[in-house]
Protein backbone atom coordinates (compact mmCIF):
# COMPACT_ATOMS: atom_id res chain seq x y z
CA MET A 1 36.96 30.44 -5.99
CA ARG A 2 34.14 31.02 -3.51
CA GLN A 3 33.42 27.27 -3.58
CA LEU A 4 37.11 26.58 -2.96
CA SER A 5 37.20 29.03 -0.03
CA MET A 6 34.23 27.22 1.54
CA LYS A 7 35.75 23.76 1.02
CA ASP A 8 39.31 24.58 2.11
CA GLU A 9 40.19 28.09 3.21
CA PHE A 10 43.92 27.29 3.32
CA THR A 11 43.93 26.37 -0.39
CA PHE A 12 42.00 29.54 -1.20
CA LEU A 13 44.43 31.77 0.75
CA HIS A 14 47.35 29.90 -0.81
CA SER A 15 46.02 30.51 -4.34
CA TYR A 16 45.63 34.22 -3.71
CA ARG A 17 49.16 34.59 -2.33
CA VAL A 18 50.62 32.50 -5.19
CA THR A 19 48.98 35.00 -7.55
CA LYS A 20 50.52 37.97 -5.73
CA ILE A 21 53.97 36.35 -5.75
CA ALA A 22 53.67 35.40 -9.44
CA LEU A 23 52.54 38.87 -10.50
CA SER A 24 55.28 40.61 -8.53
CA PHE A 25 57.87 38.32 -10.13
CA ALA A 26 56.29 38.90 -13.57
CA SER A 27 56.72 42.66 -13.11
CA PHE A 28 60.35 42.06 -12.12
CA LEU A 29 60.79 40.07 -15.37
CA LYS A 30 59.01 42.84 -17.33
CA LEU A 31 56.49 40.44 -18.84
CA THR A 32 53.88 41.91 -21.17
CA ASP A 33 50.48 43.05 -19.90
CA GLN A 34 48.90 40.14 -21.80
CA GLN A 35 51.22 37.62 -20.12
CA LYS A 36 50.43 39.17 -16.73
CA ARG A 37 46.67 38.87 -17.36
CA GLU A 38 47.03 35.19 -18.28
CA LEU A 39 49.31 34.63 -15.31
CA GLN A 40 46.97 36.39 -12.89
CA PHE A 41 43.97 34.27 -13.78
CA GLY A 42 45.95 31.04 -14.17
CA ALA A 43 47.72 31.43 -10.82
CA LEU A 44 44.47 32.29 -9.08
CA ILE A 45 42.77 29.10 -10.28
CA HIS A 46 45.83 26.82 -10.47
CA ASP A 47 44.45 24.58 -7.68
CA ILE A 48 40.77 24.75 -8.71
CA GLY A 49 40.86 20.98 -9.28
CA LYS A 50 41.09 20.51 -5.52
CA LEU A 51 37.33 21.03 -5.54
CA TYR A 52 37.21 17.35 -6.62
CA VAL A 53 39.72 16.11 -4.01
CA PRO A 54 38.01 14.71 -0.90
CA ALA A 55 38.00 17.22 1.97
CA HIS A 56 39.53 14.74 4.44
CA ILE A 57 42.64 14.58 2.20
CA LEU A 58 42.85 18.35 1.67
CA THR A 59 42.59 19.16 5.36
CA LYS A 60 44.53 16.20 6.79
CA LYS A 61 47.01 17.15 9.49
CA GLY A 62 50.13 15.13 8.86
CA LYS A 63 51.63 13.21 5.99
CA LEU A 64 49.36 11.80 3.29
CA SER A 65 49.38 8.06 2.65
CA LYS A 66 50.45 6.88 -0.81
CA GLU A 67 46.81 6.40 -1.80
CA GLU A 68 45.87 9.87 -0.52
CA PHE A 69 48.80 11.49 -2.32
CA ASP A 70 47.88 9.65 -5.54
CA GLU A 71 44.41 11.17 -5.24
CA MET A 72 45.86 14.63 -4.51
CA LYS A 73 48.06 14.36 -7.62
CA LYS A 74 44.92 14.20 -9.77
CA HIS A 75 43.97 17.82 -9.03
CA PRO A 76 45.57 19.29 -12.18
CA LEU A 77 43.49 16.87 -14.29
CA PHE A 78 40.39 17.68 -12.26
CA GLY A 79 41.14 21.37 -12.85
CA ILE A 80 41.23 20.87 -16.62
CA ARG A 81 37.91 19.02 -16.40
CA ILE A 82 36.36 22.01 -14.59
CA LEU A 83 37.78 24.46 -17.15
CA GLN A 84 36.14 22.59 -20.04
CA ASP A 85 32.90 24.36 -19.06
CA TYR A 86 34.51 27.80 -19.48
CA HIS A 87 36.24 29.67 -22.28
CA VAL A 88 39.78 30.08 -20.98
CA SER A 89 42.95 30.48 -23.01
CA THR A 90 45.44 27.72 -23.64
CA GLU A 91 47.97 29.56 -21.46
CA ILE A 92 45.61 29.53 -18.47
CA SER A 93 44.78 25.85 -19.01
CA HIS A 94 48.50 25.08 -19.20
CA ILE A 95 49.12 26.73 -15.81
CA VAL A 96 46.39 24.59 -14.23
CA LEU A 97 47.60 21.38 -15.90
CA TYR A 98 51.39 21.76 -15.65
CA HIS A 99 52.14 23.64 -12.41
CA HIS A 100 53.35 20.44 -10.69
CA GLU A 101 55.60 19.30 -13.52
CA ARG A 102 59.33 19.38 -12.77
CA TRP A 103 62.27 20.47 -14.89
CA ASP A 104 63.78 16.96 -14.51
CA GLY A 105 60.57 15.22 -15.65
CA LYS A 106 59.72 13.74 -12.25
CA GLY A 107 56.60 15.82 -11.67
CA TYR A 108 52.95 15.13 -12.39
CA PRO A 109 50.50 14.52 -14.02
CA ASN A 110 52.28 14.07 -17.40
CA LYS A 111 56.00 13.81 -16.51
CA GLN A 112 56.84 16.76 -18.78
CA SER A 113 60.39 18.12 -18.55
CA GLY A 114 62.46 21.17 -19.38
CA GLU A 115 61.04 23.61 -21.90
CA ASN A 116 58.23 21.18 -22.75
CA ILE A 117 56.62 22.69 -19.65
CA PRO A 118 54.98 25.98 -20.70
CA PHE A 119 56.78 29.09 -19.45
CA LEU A 120 53.95 30.50 -17.30
CA ALA A 121 53.45 27.09 -15.66
CA ARG A 122 57.19 27.04 -14.79
CA LEU A 123 56.80 30.51 -13.27
CA VAL A 124 53.74 29.49 -11.23
CA SER A 125 55.61 26.40 -10.03
CA LEU A 126 58.19 28.66 -8.37
CA ALA A 127 55.52 30.93 -6.83
CA ASP A 128 53.50 27.89 -5.71
CA SER A 129 56.51 26.31 -4.02
CA LEU A 130 57.54 29.54 -2.30
CA GLU A 131 54.04 30.05 -0.94
CA ALA A 132 53.76 26.42 0.16
CA MET A 133 57.00 26.78 2.13
CA THR A 134 56.30 30.18 3.72
CA GLY A 135 52.49 30.22 3.98
CA ILE A 136 50.26 29.16 6.84
CA ARG A 137 49.60 25.43 7.14
CA PRO A 138 47.78 23.78 10.05
CA TYR A 139 50.09 20.76 10.01
CA ARG A 140 53.57 22.30 10.08
CA THR A 141 55.71 25.32 10.90
CA SER A 142 56.36 27.66 7.98
CA LEU A 143 59.85 28.32 6.69
CA THR A 144 61.24 31.83 6.80
CA TRP A 145 61.71 33.70 3.52
CA GLU A 146 65.48 33.08 3.86
CA GLU A 147 65.04 29.34 4.47
CA ALA A 148 62.72 29.09 1.45
CA TYR A 149 65.33 30.94 -0.63
CA GLU A 150 67.85 28.18 0.14
CA GLU A 151 65.34 25.43 -0.68
CA ILE A 152 64.46 27.00 -4.02
CA LYS A 153 68.14 27.44 -4.79
CA LYS A 154 68.63 23.68 -4.17
CA GLY A 155 65.79 22.91 -6.61
CA ALA A 156 67.32 24.78 -9.58
CA GLY A 157 67.82 22.37 -12.49
CA THR A 158 65.88 19.53 -10.86
CA GLN A 159 62.50 20.80 -9.70
CA PHE A 160 62.73 24.24 -11.32
CA ASP A 161 63.86 25.84 -14.57
CA PRO A 162 67.47 26.82 -13.70
CA ARG A 163 67.52 30.16 -15.56
CA LEU A 164 64.12 31.20 -14.26
CA THR A 165 65.20 30.19 -10.74
CA THR A 166 68.24 32.49 -10.94
CA SER A 167 65.90 35.41 -11.71
CA PHE A 168 63.44 34.29 -9.02
CA LEU A 169 66.19 34.25 -6.39
CA LEU A 170 67.20 37.79 -7.41
CA TRP A 171 63.55 38.81 -7.07
CA MET A 172 63.35 37.15 -3.62
CA GLU A 173 66.37 39.15 -2.42
CA ASN A 174 64.36 42.37 -2.81
CA HIS A 175 60.73 41.35 -2.24
CA VAL A 176 58.63 39.74 0.49
CA ILE A 177 54.94 39.07 -0.09
CA PRO A 178 53.00 39.19 3.20
CA ILE A 179 50.43 36.62 4.26
CA GLU A 180 46.80 37.77 4.15
CA ARG A 181 44.10 35.95 6.09
CA ASN A 182 40.80 37.77 5.48
CA THR A 183 38.96 35.61 2.95
CA GLU A 184 36.03 38.01 2.48
CA THR A 185 38.29 41.00 1.75
CA ILE A 186 40.30 38.90 -0.69
CA MET A 187 37.10 37.73 -2.41
CA GLN A 188 36.12 41.38 -2.96
CA THR A 189 39.60 42.12 -4.34
CA ILE A 190 39.30 39.18 -6.75
CA SER A 191 35.99 40.44 -8.11
CA ILE A 192 37.60 43.81 -8.77
CA ILE A 193 40.63 42.36 -10.61
CA SER A 194 38.73 39.68 -12.56
């Protein structure tokens, strides 16, 4: 994660906030402590494969070309390659590999659909999308929490698991996860929770 923060601070800050969103939602769902531990680590490293994506693509201001987006779409596979050097659970690996799959099968990298996508990966997909919409990006204005709510609602049954989305929208009605910007403080927090 320190390497990721040095390569692309926005991705690092995004990963931390995705983790906070995912864990808050997991508590709302009353997931088990074991599921929360897997979720915490998996959400934190879900974009670790971006270490292998060229920096000029990661930090580009503006829309990616088709070739650049094709390269970006490899990051879940790069993430799995990185994890081969570590002993992580199947659940954590599944979060890294499947967090960009879609309920309708139009996601990447494996075009999985519906309940073939592991549950925690479906949960991280919602948290990832919410953070991407409401977080800080150098190339666009962020959506408000309310605007993101409407976008996620539109994605139920296509991009997102429809039943999980219903619960996520209920969670969003009562929770807002603030944006944090101090990388060093976050890094210390991560070492405490790891």
